Amino acid sequence: MPDSANPLVTQFVDAINAGDKDGLSALLADGATMSDDGSDRDLDAWLDREMFSTNGRIEIESSSGEGLSLIAQVTNDTWGAMRTTWKFFVDGDKIIRFETGQA
């Protein structure tokens, strides 16, 4: 993982890769939101469907924007591998929103 990734982003990726739902939940603000390919999604349902129940993994290629924007290879049992973009929005020590989509 690039050294320049924001610490919250690093913890987010580590929690996904470890299948750690509780660890990930602790990083998210109450009422956190997300979008996938420009459409808002139900955060918990999306994380379960795209990451936790399908062996999802994130491998960061690069980061920018103070480590809050990523290009990453995402792999899961449903879609296989795809190159994706991620943008995180934080407030203090919590992620309040992330936006992802195909790169």
Protein backbone atom coordinates (compact mmCIF):
# COMPACT_ATOMS: atom_id res chain seq x y z
CA MET A 1 0.00 0.00 0.00
CA PRO A 2 1.41 3.44 -0.84
CA ASP A 3 2.88 5.27 2.14
CA SER A 4 0.91 8.37 1.16
CA ALA A 5 -2.50 6.78 1.77
CA ASN A 6 -4.51 8.52 4.48
CA PRO A 7 -4.43 6.46 7.72
CA LEU A 8 -8.23 6.02 7.69
CA VAL A 9 -8.08 4.82 4.09
CA THR A 10 -5.30 2.39 4.99
CA GLN A 11 -7.41 1.03 7.87
CA PHE A 12 -10.46 0.78 5.57
CA VAL A 13 -8.53 -1.28 3.01
CA ASP A 14 -6.96 -3.44 5.73
CA ALA A 15 -10.39 -4.15 7.26
CA ILE A 16 -11.87 -5.11 3.87
CA ASN A 17 -8.92 -7.38 3.08
CA ALA A 18 -9.17 -9.05 6.50
CA GLY A 19 -12.94 -9.53 6.24
CA ASP A 20 -13.24 -7.48 9.43
CA LYS A 21 -16.80 -6.08 9.46
CA ASP A 22 -16.53 -4.75 13.01
CA GLY A 23 -13.20 -3.06 12.29
CA LEU A 24 -14.63 -1.43 9.19
CA SER A 25 -17.78 -0.34 10.99
CA ALA A 26 -15.65 1.41 13.62
CA LEU A 27 -14.11 3.59 10.88
CA LEU A 28 -17.45 4.75 9.47
CA ALA A 29 -19.38 7.71 10.88
CA ASP A 30 -22.99 7.21 11.86
CA GLY A 31 -25.02 7.79 8.72
CA ALA A 32 -22.04 7.32 6.40
CA THR A 33 -22.93 7.13 2.70
CA MET A 34 -21.43 5.78 -0.49
CA SER A 35 -21.89 5.64 -4.25
CA ASP A 36 -20.91 3.08 -6.87
CA ASP A 37 -20.49 4.21 -10.48
CA GLY A 38 -22.28 7.47 -9.67
CA SER A 39 -25.35 5.97 -7.97
CA ASP A 40 -25.88 6.16 -4.23
CA ARG A 41 -26.20 2.71 -2.67
CA ASP A 42 -27.17 1.31 0.71
CA LEU A 43 -23.78 1.24 2.41
CA ASP A 44 -24.22 -1.89 4.55
CA ALA A 45 -25.87 -3.92 1.78
CA TRP A 46 -23.21 -2.88 -0.74
CA LEU A 47 -20.31 -3.75 1.57
CA ASP A 48 -21.83 -7.15 2.29
CA ARG A 49 -22.61 -7.92 -1.37
CA GLU A 50 -19.45 -6.54 -2.99
CA MET A 51 -16.85 -7.20 -0.29
CA PHE A 52 -17.66 -9.36 2.71
CA SER A 53 -19.83 -12.14 1.26
CA THR A 54 -17.79 -12.38 -1.96
CA ASN A 55 -14.22 -12.49 -0.61
CA GLY A 56 -13.58 -8.88 -1.73
CA ARG A 57 -10.03 -7.60 -1.78
CA ILE A 58 -8.55 -4.18 -2.57
CA GLU A 59 -5.01 -3.71 -3.88
CA ILE A 60 -4.04 -0.05 -4.11
CA GLU A 61 -2.09 1.00 -7.21
CA SER A 62 -1.75 4.70 -6.33
CA SER A 63 -3.12 7.41 -4.09
CA SER A 64 -3.49 11.17 -4.42
CA GLY A 65 -5.38 14.06 -2.87
CA GLU A 66 -3.77 13.73 0.57
CA GLY A 67 -4.27 9.97 0.32
CA LEU A 68 -8.06 10.22 0.01
CA SER A 69 -8.26 9.30 -3.69
CA LEU A 70 -7.15 5.88 -4.90
CA ILE A 71 -6.73 3.82 -8.00
CA ALA A 72 -7.07 0.20 -6.94
CA GLN A 73 -7.55 -3.31 -8.26
CA VAL A 74 -10.65 -4.82 -6.64
CA THR A 75 -11.22 -8.55 -6.79
CA ASN A 76 -14.26 -10.50 -5.60
CA ASP A 77 -15.88 -13.84 -6.32
CA THR A 78 -18.76 -12.23 -8.27
CA TRP A 79 -17.02 -9.86 -10.68
CA GLY A 80 -13.43 -11.10 -10.73
CA ALA A 81 -10.87 -8.30 -10.98
CA MET A 82 -11.50 -4.72 -12.01
CA ARG A 83 -9.57 -1.46 -11.89
CA THR A 84 -11.44 1.05 -9.76
CA THR A 85 -11.32 4.59 -8.42
CA TRP A 86 -12.10 5.48 -4.82
CA LYS A 87 -12.60 8.85 -3.17
CA PHE A 88 -13.00 9.15 0.58
CA PHE A 89 -14.48 11.99 2.59
CA VAL A 90 -13.54 12.19 6.26
CA ASP A 91 -14.55 14.16 9.31
CA GLY A 92 -12.04 13.87 12.10
CA ASP A 93 -11.33 10.19 12.66
CA LYS A 94 -14.33 8.83 10.71
CA ILE A 95 -15.13 8.19 7.07
CA ILE A 96 -18.38 9.99 6.24
CA ARG A 97 -18.63 8.98 2.57
CA PHE A 98 -16.81 7.10 -0.14
CA GLU A 99 -17.38 7.02 -3.86
CA THR A 100 -16.14 4.17 -6.02
CA GLY A 101 -16.47 3.09 -9.62
CA GLN A 102 -14.68 1.56 -12.54
CA ALA A 103 -11.50 3.36 -13.57
